[in-house]
Amino acid sequence: MRPRPRNPMPDDVRGALADAGLTDAYAARPAYQRNDYLGWIARARTEETRRRRTGQMLDELREGGVYMGMSHPPSRRRAGRDD
């Protein structure tokens, strides 16, 4: 099985994660999810779509328990955590 290409972290996405205080939540996700998010954002054809996709990623990281619009229980945030 061939590994999938790794998508680079764009500066605007890095900044959005930092501004939202979600860098650690992003880093805690499995590598395939981080790569999928970056590829999905990079494939946007318009800036509006890119912003919307970045926003969805941030919302999912903030909420936890969601990955690309699907339930993802391992990433669910637990009450009482300070992240």
PDB file of N, CA and C in Angstrom:
ATOM      1  N   MET A   1       0.844  -1.179   0.000  1.00  0.00           N
ATOM      2  CA  MET A   1       0.000   0.000   0.000  1.00  0.00           C
ATOM      3  C   MET A   1       0.890   1.244   0.000  1.00  0.00           C
ATOM      4  N   ARG A   2       0.627   2.129  -0.924  1.00  0.00           N
ATOM      5  CA  ARG A   2       1.397   3.367  -1.034  1.00  0.00           C
ATOM      6  C   ARG A   2       0.880   4.411  -0.062  1.00  0.00           C
ATOM      7  N   PRO A   3       1.775   5.087   0.642  1.00  0.00           N
ATOM      8  CA  PRO A   3       1.302   6.159   1.524  1.00  0.00           C
ATOM      9  C   PRO A   3       0.738   7.323   0.719  1.00  0.00           C
ATOM     10  N   ARG A   4      -0.255   7.957   1.278  1.00  0.00           N
ATOM     11  CA  ARG A   4      -0.837   9.121   0.609  1.00  0.00           C
ATOM     12  C   ARG A   4       0.125  10.304   0.712  1.00  0.00           C
ATOM     13  N   PRO A   5       0.109  11.183  -0.279  1.00  0.00           N
ATOM     14  CA  PRO A   5       0.962  12.374  -0.201  1.00  0.00           C
ATOM     15  C   PRO A   5       0.572  13.223   1.007  1.00  0.00           C
ATOM     16  N   ARG A   6       1.561  13.821   1.618  1.00  0.00           N
ATOM     17  CA  ARG A   6       1.314  14.709   2.760  1.00  0.00           C
ATOM     18  C   ARG A   6       1.045  16.121   2.260  1.00  0.00           C
ATOM     19  N   ASN A   7       0.007  16.715   2.805  1.00  0.00           N
ATOM     20  CA  ASN A   7      -0.349  18.080   2.438  1.00  0.00           C
ATOM     21  C   ASN A   7       0.369  19.054   3.359  1.00  0.00           C
ATOM     22  N   PRO A   8       0.975  20.109   2.802  1.00  0.00           N
ATOM     23  CA  PRO A   8       1.676  21.086   3.637  1.00  0.00           C
ATOM     24  C   PRO A   8       0.693  21.956   4.422  1.00  0.00           C
ATOM     25  N   MET A   9       1.164  22.470   5.548  1.00  0.00           N
ATOM     26  CA  MET A   9       0.361  23.371   6.377  1.00  0.00           C
ATOM     27  C   MET A   9       0.501  24.796   5.835  1.00  0.00           C
ATOM     28  N   PRO A  10      -0.568  25.351   5.249  1.00  0.00           N
ATOM     29  CA  PRO A  10      -0.499  26.728   4.758  1.00  0.00           C
ATOM     30  C   PRO A  10      -0.436  27.717   5.929  1.00  0.00           C
ATOM     31  N   ASP A  11       0.213  28.838   5.701  1.00  0.00           N
ATOM     32  CA  ASP A  11       0.349  29.850   6.744  1.00  0.00           C
ATOM     33  C   ASP A  11      -0.996  30.348   7.256  1.00  0.00           C
ATOM     34  N   ASP A  12      -1.981  30.511   6.357  1.00  0.00           N
ATOM     35  CA  ASP A  12      -3.276  31.029   6.802  1.00  0.00           C
ATOM     36  C   ASP A  12      -3.994  30.046   7.717  1.00  0.00           C
ATOM     37  N   VAL A  13      -3.853  28.758   7.453  1.00  0.00           N
ATOM     38  CA  VAL A  13      -4.485  27.742   8.304  1.00  0.00           C
ATOM     39  C   VAL A  13      -3.761  27.680   9.647  1.00  0.00           C
ATOM     40  N   ARG A  14      -2.430  27.732   9.614  1.00  0.00           N
ATOM     41  CA  ARG A  14      -1.647  27.751  10.857  1.00  0.00           C
ATOM     42  C   ARG A  14      -2.071  28.948  11.722  1.00  0.00           C
ATOM     43  N   GLY A  15      -2.218  30.096  11.094  1.00  0.00           N
ATOM     44  CA  GLY A  15      -2.639  31.297  11.811  1.00  0.00           C
ATOM     45  C   GLY A  15      -4.043  31.173  12.377  1.00  0.00           C
ATOM     46  N   ALA A  16      -4.953  30.592  11.594  1.00  0.00           N
ATOM     47  CA  ALA A  16      -6.332  30.430  12.058  1.00  0.00           C
ATOM     48  C   ALA A  16      -6.387  29.499  13.272  1.00  0.00           C
ATOM     49  N   LEU A  17      -5.594  28.421  13.238  1.00  0.00           N
ATOM     50  CA  LEU A  17      -5.533  27.503  14.381  1.00  0.00           C
ATOM     51  C   LEU A  17      -5.002  28.223  15.621  1.00  0.00           C
ATOM     52  N   ALA A  18      -3.935  28.995  15.441  1.00  0.00           N
ATOM     53  CA  ALA A  18      -3.338  29.720  16.566  1.00  0.00           C
ATOM     54  C   ALA A  18      -4.304  30.767  17.107  1.00  0.00           C
ATOM     55  N   ASP A  19      -4.922  31.540  16.213  1.00  0.00           N
ATOM     56  CA  ASP A  19      -5.852  32.584  16.641  1.00  0.00           C
ATOM     57  C   ASP A  19      -7.034  32.017  17.414  1.00  0.00           C
ATOM     58  N   ALA A  20      -7.474  30.816  17.034  1.00  0.00           N
ATOM     59  CA  ALA A  20      -8.607  30.175  17.693  1.00  0.00           C
ATOM     60  C   ALA A  20      -8.188  29.379  18.937  1.00  0.00           C
ATOM     61  N   GLY A  21      -6.885  29.291  19.179  1.00  0.00           N
ATOM     62  CA  GLY A  21      -6.406  28.512  20.323  1.00  0.00           C
ATOM     63  C   GLY A  21      -6.610  27.020  20.151  1.00  0.00           C
ATOM     64  N   LEU A  22      -6.565  26.547  18.892  1.00  0.00           N
ATOM     65  CA  LEU A  22      -6.864  25.145  18.604  1.00  0.00           C
ATOM     66  C   LEU A  22      -5.685  24.369  18.048  1.00  0.00           C
ATOM     67  N   THR A  23      -4.488  24.927  18.156  1.00  0.00           N
ATOM     68  CA  THR A  23      -3.312  24.236  17.638  1.00  0.00           C
ATOM     69  C   THR A  23      -3.120  22.893  18.315  1.00  0.00           C
ATOM     70  N   ASP A  24      -3.289  22.828  19.626  1.00  0.00           N
ATOM     71  CA  ASP A  24      -3.122  21.566  20.349  1.00  0.00           C
ATOM     72  C   ASP A  24      -4.214  20.561  19.984  1.00  0.00           C
ATOM     73  N   ALA A  25      -5.442  21.041  19.814  1.00  0.00           N
ATOM     74  CA  ALA A  25      -6.533  20.144  19.423  1.00  0.00           C
ATOM     75  C   ALA A  25      -6.265  19.558  18.037  1.00  0.00           C
ATOM     76  N   TYR A  26      -5.722  20.376  17.145  1.00  0.00           N
ATOM     77  CA  TYR A  26      -5.369  19.909  15.808  1.00  0.00           C
ATOM     78  C   TYR A  26      -4.245  18.871  15.901  1.00  0.00           C
ATOM     79  N   ALA A  27      -3.221  19.166  16.672  1.00  0.00           N
ATOM     80  CA  ALA A  27      -2.078  18.257  16.811  1.00  0.00           C
ATOM     81  C   ALA A  27      -2.472  16.930  17.447  1.00  0.00           C
ATOM     82  N   ALA A  28      -3.525  16.935  18.251  1.00  0.00           N
ATOM     83  CA  ALA A  28      -3.965  15.709  18.918  1.00  0.00           C
ATOM     84  C   ALA A  28      -4.718  14.762  17.984  1.00  0.00           C
ATOM     85  N   ARG A  29      -5.158  15.275  16.852  1.00  0.00           N
ATOM     86  CA  ARG A  29      -5.874  14.428  15.891  1.00  0.00           C
ATOM     87  C   ARG A  29      -4.887  13.491  15.198  1.00  0.00           C
ATOM     88  N   PRO A  30      -5.368  12.328  14.741  1.00  0.00           N
ATOM     89  CA  PRO A  30      -4.482  11.410  14.008  1.00  0.00           C
ATOM     90  C   PRO A  30      -3.937  12.077  12.743  1.00  0.00           C
ATOM     91  N   ALA A  31      -2.770  11.620  12.321  1.00  0.00           N
ATOM     92  CA  ALA A  31      -2.102  12.203  11.146  1.00  0.00           C
ATOM     93  C   ALA A  31      -3.001  12.181   9.911  1.00  0.00           C
ATOM     94  N   TYR A  32      -3.762  11.100   9.705  1.00  0.00           N
ATOM     95  CA  TYR A  32      -4.607  11.036   8.508  1.00  0.00           C
ATOM     96  C   TYR A  32      -5.665  12.132   8.533  1.00  0.00           C
ATOM     97  N   GLN A  33      -6.203  12.463   9.711  1.00  0.00           N
ATOM     98  CA  GLN A  33      -7.209  13.523   9.789  1.00  0.00           C
ATOM     99  C   GLN A  33      -6.587  14.879   9.514  1.00  0.00           C
ATOM    100  N   ARG A  34      -5.431  15.144  10.097  1.00  0.00           N
ATOM    101  CA  ARG A  34      -4.761  16.418   9.835  1.00  0.00           C
ATOM    102  C   ARG A  34      -4.483  16.568   8.344  1.00  0.00           C
ATOM    103  N   ASN A  35      -3.997  15.506   7.718  1.00  0.00           N
ATOM    104  CA  ASN A  35      -3.692  15.537   6.290  1.00  0.00           C
ATOM    105  C   ASN A  35      -4.964  15.715   5.454  1.00  0.00           C
ATOM    106  N   ASP A  36      -6.032  15.024   5.829  1.00  0.00           N
ATOM    107  CA  ASP A  36      -7.299  15.163   5.102  1.00  0.00           C
ATOM    108  C   ASP A  36      -7.832  16.587   5.180  1.00  0.00           C
ATOM    109  N   TYR A  37      -7.815  17.174   6.371  1.00  0.00           N
ATOM    110  CA  TYR A  37      -8.276  18.556   6.509  1.00  0.00           C
ATOM    111  C   TYR A  37      -7.476  19.482   5.595  1.00  0.00           C
ATOM    112  N   LEU A  38      -6.153  19.365   5.617  1.00  0.00           N
ATOM    113  CA  LEU A  38      -5.315  20.259   4.817  1.00  0.00           C
ATOM    114  C   LEU A  38      -5.549  20.075   3.321  1.00  0.00           C
ATOM    115  N   GLY A  39      -5.687  18.836   2.877  1.00  0.00           N
ATOM    116  CA  GLY A  39      -5.952  18.584   1.467  1.00  0.00           C
ATOM    117  C   GLY A  39      -7.303  19.117   1.040  1.00  0.00           C
ATOM    118  N   TRP A  40      -8.303  18.936   1.888  1.00  0.00           N
ATOM    119  CA  TRP A  40      -9.660  19.403   1.611  1.00  0.00           C
ATOM    120  C   TRP A  40      -9.689  20.922   1.491  1.00  0.00           C
ATOM    121  N   ILE A  41      -9.003  21.589   2.398  1.00  0.00           N
ATOM    122  CA  ILE A  41      -8.938  23.051   2.349  1.00  0.00           C
ATOM    123  C   ILE A  41      -8.176  23.504   1.100  1.00  0.00           C
ATOM    124  N   ALA A  42      -7.069  22.864   0.799  1.00  0.00           N
ATOM    125  CA  ALA A  42      -6.237  23.253  -0.351  1.00  0.00           C
ATOM    126  C   ALA A  42      -6.963  23.065  -1.686  1.00  0.00           C
ATOM    127  N   ARG A  43      -7.877  22.098  -1.760  1.00  0.00           N
ATOM    128  CA  ARG A  43      -8.597  21.847  -3.019  1.00  0.00           C
ATOM    129  C   ARG A  43      -9.743  22.818  -3.276  1.00  0.00           C
ATOM    130  N   ALA A  44     -10.002  23.717  -2.350  1.00  0.00           N
ATOM    131  CA  ALA A  44     -11.077  24.700  -2.550  1.00  0.00           C
ATOM    132  C   ALA A  44     -10.753  25.552  -3.779  1.00  0.00           C
ATOM    133  N   ARG A  45     -11.745  25.791  -4.582  1.00  0.00           N
ATOM    134  CA  ARG A  45     -11.529  26.555  -5.818  1.00  0.00           C
ATOM    135  C   ARG A  45     -11.663  28.057  -5.619  1.00  0.00           C
ATOM    136  N   THR A  46     -12.366  28.467  -4.581  1.00  0.00           N
ATOM    137  CA  THR A  46     -12.522  29.892  -4.318  1.00  0.00           C
ATOM    138  C   THR A  46     -12.088  30.202  -2.890  1.00  0.00           C
ATOM    139  N   GLU A  47     -11.768  31.456  -2.638  1.00  0.00           N
ATOM    140  CA  GLU A  47     -11.387  31.881  -1.285  1.00  0.00           C
ATOM    141  C   GLU A  47     -12.554  31.707  -0.316  1.00  0.00           C
ATOM    142  N   GLU A  48     -13.757  31.947  -0.795  1.00  0.00           N
ATOM    143  CA  GLU A  48     -14.939  31.775   0.057  1.00  0.00           C
ATOM    144  C   GLU A  48     -15.044  30.328   0.536  1.00  0.00           C
ATOM    145  N   THR A  49     -14.862  29.395  -0.383  1.00  0.00           N
ATOM    146  CA  THR A  49     -14.924  27.976  -0.013  1.00  0.00           C
ATOM    147  C   THR A  49     -13.778  27.625   0.933  1.00  0.00           C
ATOM    148  N   ARG A  50     -12.601  28.165   0.679  1.00  0.00           N
ATOM    149  CA  ARG A  50     -11.442  27.912   1.544  1.00  0.00           C
ATOM    150  C   ARG A  50     -11.728  28.400   2.973  1.00  0.00           C
ATOM    151  N   ARG A  51     -12.283  29.595   3.088  1.00  0.00           N
ATOM    152  CA  ARG A  51     -12.622  30.133   4.413  1.00  0.00           C
ATOM    153  C   ARG A  51     -13.694  29.287   5.095  1.00  0.00           C
ATOM    154  N   ARG A  52     -14.686  28.854   4.332  1.00  0.00           N
ATOM    155  CA  ARG A  52     -15.761  28.033   4.902  1.00  0.00           C
ATOM    156  C   ARG A  52     -15.208  26.708   5.404  1.00  0.00           C
ATOM    157  N   ARG A  53     -14.349  26.083   4.623  1.00  0.00           N
ATOM    158  CA  ARG A  53     -13.760  24.805   5.019  1.00  0.00           C
ATOM    159  C   ARG A  53     -12.847  24.959   6.233  1.00  0.00           C
ATOM    160  N   THR A  54     -12.071  26.031   6.244  1.00  0.00           N
ATOM    161  CA  THR A  54     -11.222  26.284   7.417  1.00  0.00           C
ATOM    162  C   THR A  54     -12.098  26.489   8.641  1.00  0.00           C
ATOM    163  N   GLY A  55     -13.168  27.229   8.485  1.00  0.00           N
ATOM    164  CA  GLY A  55     -14.109  27.441   9.588  1.00  0.00           C
ATOM    165  C   GLY A  55     -14.733  26.149  10.084  1.00  0.00           C
ATOM    166  N   GLN A  56     -15.089  25.264   9.159  1.00  0.00           N
ATOM    167  CA  GLN A  56     -15.661  23.979   9.566  1.00  0.00           C
ATOM    168  C   GLN A  56     -14.644  23.172  10.355  1.00  0.00           C
ATOM    169  N   MET A  57     -13.391  23.159   9.894  1.00  0.00           N
ATOM    170  CA  MET A  57     -12.354  22.435  10.618  1.00  0.00           C
ATOM    171  C   MET A  57     -12.214  23.002  12.031  1.00  0.00           C
ATOM    172  N   LEU A  58     -12.166  24.324  12.155  1.00  0.00           N
ATOM    173  CA  LEU A  58     -12.035  24.944  13.473  1.00  0.00           C
ATOM    174  C   LEU A  58     -13.228  24.603  14.359  1.00  0.00           C
ATOM    175  N   ASP A  59     -14.428  24.657  13.808  1.00  0.00           N
ATOM    176  CA  ASP A  59     -15.628  24.310  14.579  1.00  0.00           C
ATOM    177  C   ASP A  59     -15.566  22.864  15.065  1.00  0.00           C
ATOM    178  N   GLU A  60     -15.132  21.954  14.191  1.00  0.00           N
ATOM    179  CA  GLU A  60     -15.059  20.539  14.570  1.00  0.00           C
ATOM    180  C   GLU A  60     -13.993  20.303  15.633  1.00  0.00           C
ATOM    181  N   LEU A  61     -12.880  21.002  15.530  1.00  0.00           N
ATOM    182  CA  LEU A  61     -11.843  20.872  16.548  1.00  0.00           C
ATOM    183  C   LEU A  61     -12.321  21.435  17.881  1.00  0.00           C
ATOM    184  N   ARG A  62     -13.027  22.548  17.824  1.00  0.00           N
ATOM    185  CA  ARG A  62     -13.548  23.190  19.028  1.00  0.00           C
ATOM    186  C   ARG A  62     -14.582  22.293  19.712  1.00  0.00           C
ATOM    187  N   GLU A  63     -15.456  21.718  18.920  1.00  0.00           N
ATOM    188  CA  GLU A  63     -16.538  20.881  19.445  1.00  0.00           C
ATOM    189  C   GLU A  63     -16.024  19.521  19.901  1.00  0.00           C
ATOM    190  N   GLY A  64     -15.136  18.928  19.118  1.00  0.00           N
ATOM    191  CA  GLY A  64     -14.669  17.575  19.399  1.00  0.00           C
ATOM    192  C   GLY A  64     -15.753  16.566  19.043  1.00  0.00           C
ATOM    193  N   GLY A  65     -15.336  15.331  18.842  1.00  0.00           N
ATOM    194  CA  GLY A  65     -16.300  14.279  18.525  1.00  0.00           C
ATOM    195  C   GLY A  65     -16.809  14.308  17.102  1.00  0.00           C
ATOM    196  N   VAL A  66     -16.230  15.175  16.261  1.00  0.00           N
ATOM    197  CA  VAL A  66     -16.668  15.308  14.875  1.00  0.00           C
ATOM    198  C   VAL A  66     -15.430  15.385  13.982  1.00  0.00           C
ATOM    199  N   TYR A  67     -15.503  14.700  12.847  1.00  0.00           N
ATOM    200  CA  TYR A  67     -14.427  14.756  11.855  1.00  0.00           C
ATOM    201  C   TYR A  67     -15.065  14.766  10.479  1.00  0.00           C
ATOM    202  N   MET A  68     -14.866  15.837   9.738  1.00  0.00           N
ATOM    203  CA  MET A  68     -15.399  16.006   8.385  1.00  0.00           C
ATOM    204  C   MET A  68     -16.917  15.764   8.357  1.00  0.00           C
ATOM    205  N   GLY A  69     -17.589  16.286   9.359  1.00  0.00           N
ATOM    206  CA  GLY A  69     -19.038  16.177   9.423  1.00  0.00           C
ATOM    207  C   GLY A  69     -19.558  14.845   9.936  1.00  0.00           C
ATOM    208  N   MET A  70     -18.656  13.949  10.310  1.00  0.00           N
ATOM    209  CA  MET A  70     -19.056  12.620  10.791  1.00  0.00           C
ATOM    210  C   MET A  70     -18.709  12.482  12.271  1.00  0.00           C
ATOM    211  N   SER A  71     -19.466  11.666  12.959  1.00  0.00           N
ATOM    212  CA  SER A  71     -19.179  11.388  14.359  1.00  0.00           C
ATOM    213  C   SER A  71     -17.797  10.753  14.485  1.00  0.00           C
ATOM    214  N   HIS A  72     -17.025  11.227  15.454  1.00  0.00           N
ATOM    215  CA  HIS A  72     -15.694  10.668  15.728  1.00  0.00           C
ATOM    216  C   HIS A  72     -15.490  10.651  17.242  1.00  0.00           C
ATOM    217  N   PRO A  73     -16.078   9.653  17.923  1.00  0.00           N
ATOM    218  CA  PRO A  73     -16.032   9.604  19.391  1.00  0.00           C
ATOM    219  C   PRO A  73     -14.637   9.721  20.009  1.00  0.00           C
ATOM    220  N   PRO A  74     -13.557   9.171  19.407  1.00  0.00           N
ATOM    221  CA  PRO A  74     -12.250   9.312  20.064  1.00  0.00           C
ATOM    222  C   PRO A  74     -11.792  10.764  20.248  1.00  0.00           C
ATOM    223  N   SER A  75     -12.316  11.676  19.452  1.00  0.00           N
ATOM    224  CA  SER A  75     -11.897  13.068  19.577  1.00  0.00           C
ATOM    225  C   SER A  75     -12.868  13.902  20.409  1.00  0.00           C
ATOM    226  N   ARG A  76     -13.860  13.233  21.011  1.00  0.00           N
ATOM    227  CA  ARG A  76     -14.846  13.954  21.816  1.00  0.00           C
ATOM    228  C   ARG A  76     -14.144  14.616  22.989  1.00  0.00           C
ATOM    229  N   ARG A  77     -14.475  15.874  23.211  1.00  0.00           N
ATOM    230  CA  ARG A  77     -13.892  16.604  24.340  1.00  0.00           C
ATOM    231  C   ARG A  77     -14.580  16.163  25.622  1.00  0.00           C
ATOM    232  N   ARG A  78     -13.788  15.981  26.647  1.00  0.00           N
ATOM    233  CA  ARG A  78     -14.347  15.582  27.943  1.00  0.00           C
ATOM    234  C   ARG A  78     -14.569  16.806  28.802  1.00  0.00           C
ATOM    235  N   ALA A  79     -15.675  16.800  29.531  1.00  0.00           N
ATOM    236  CA  ALA A  79     -15.980  17.912  30.442  1.00  0.00           C
ATOM    237  C   ALA A  79     -14.867  18.033  31.473  1.00  0.00           C
ATOM    238  N   GLY A  80     -14.515  19.282  31.789  1.00  0.00           N
ATOM    239  CA  GLY A  80     -13.509  19.522  32.794  1.00  0.00           C
ATOM    240  C   GLY A  80     -12.102  19.636  32.273  1.00  0.00           C
ATOM    241  N   ARG A  81     -11.914  19.406  30.978  1.00  0.00           N
ATOM    242  CA  ARG A  81     -10.571  19.561  30.411  1.00  0.00           C
ATOM    243  C   ARG A  81     -10.293  21.031  30.177  1.00  0.00           C
ATOM    244  N   ASP A  82      -9.053  21.425  30.342  1.00  0.00           N
ATOM    245  CA  ASP A  82      -8.680  22.831  30.204  1.00  0.00           C
ATOM    246  C   ASP A  82      -8.040  23.151  28.876  1.00  0.00           C
ATOM    247  N   ASP A  83      -8.384  22.461  27.791  1.00  0.00           N
ATOM    248  CA  ASP A  83      -7.776  22.801  26.512  1.00  0.00           C
ATOM    249  C   ASP A  83      -8.726  23.489  25.648  1.00  0.00           C
TER     250      ASP A  83
END
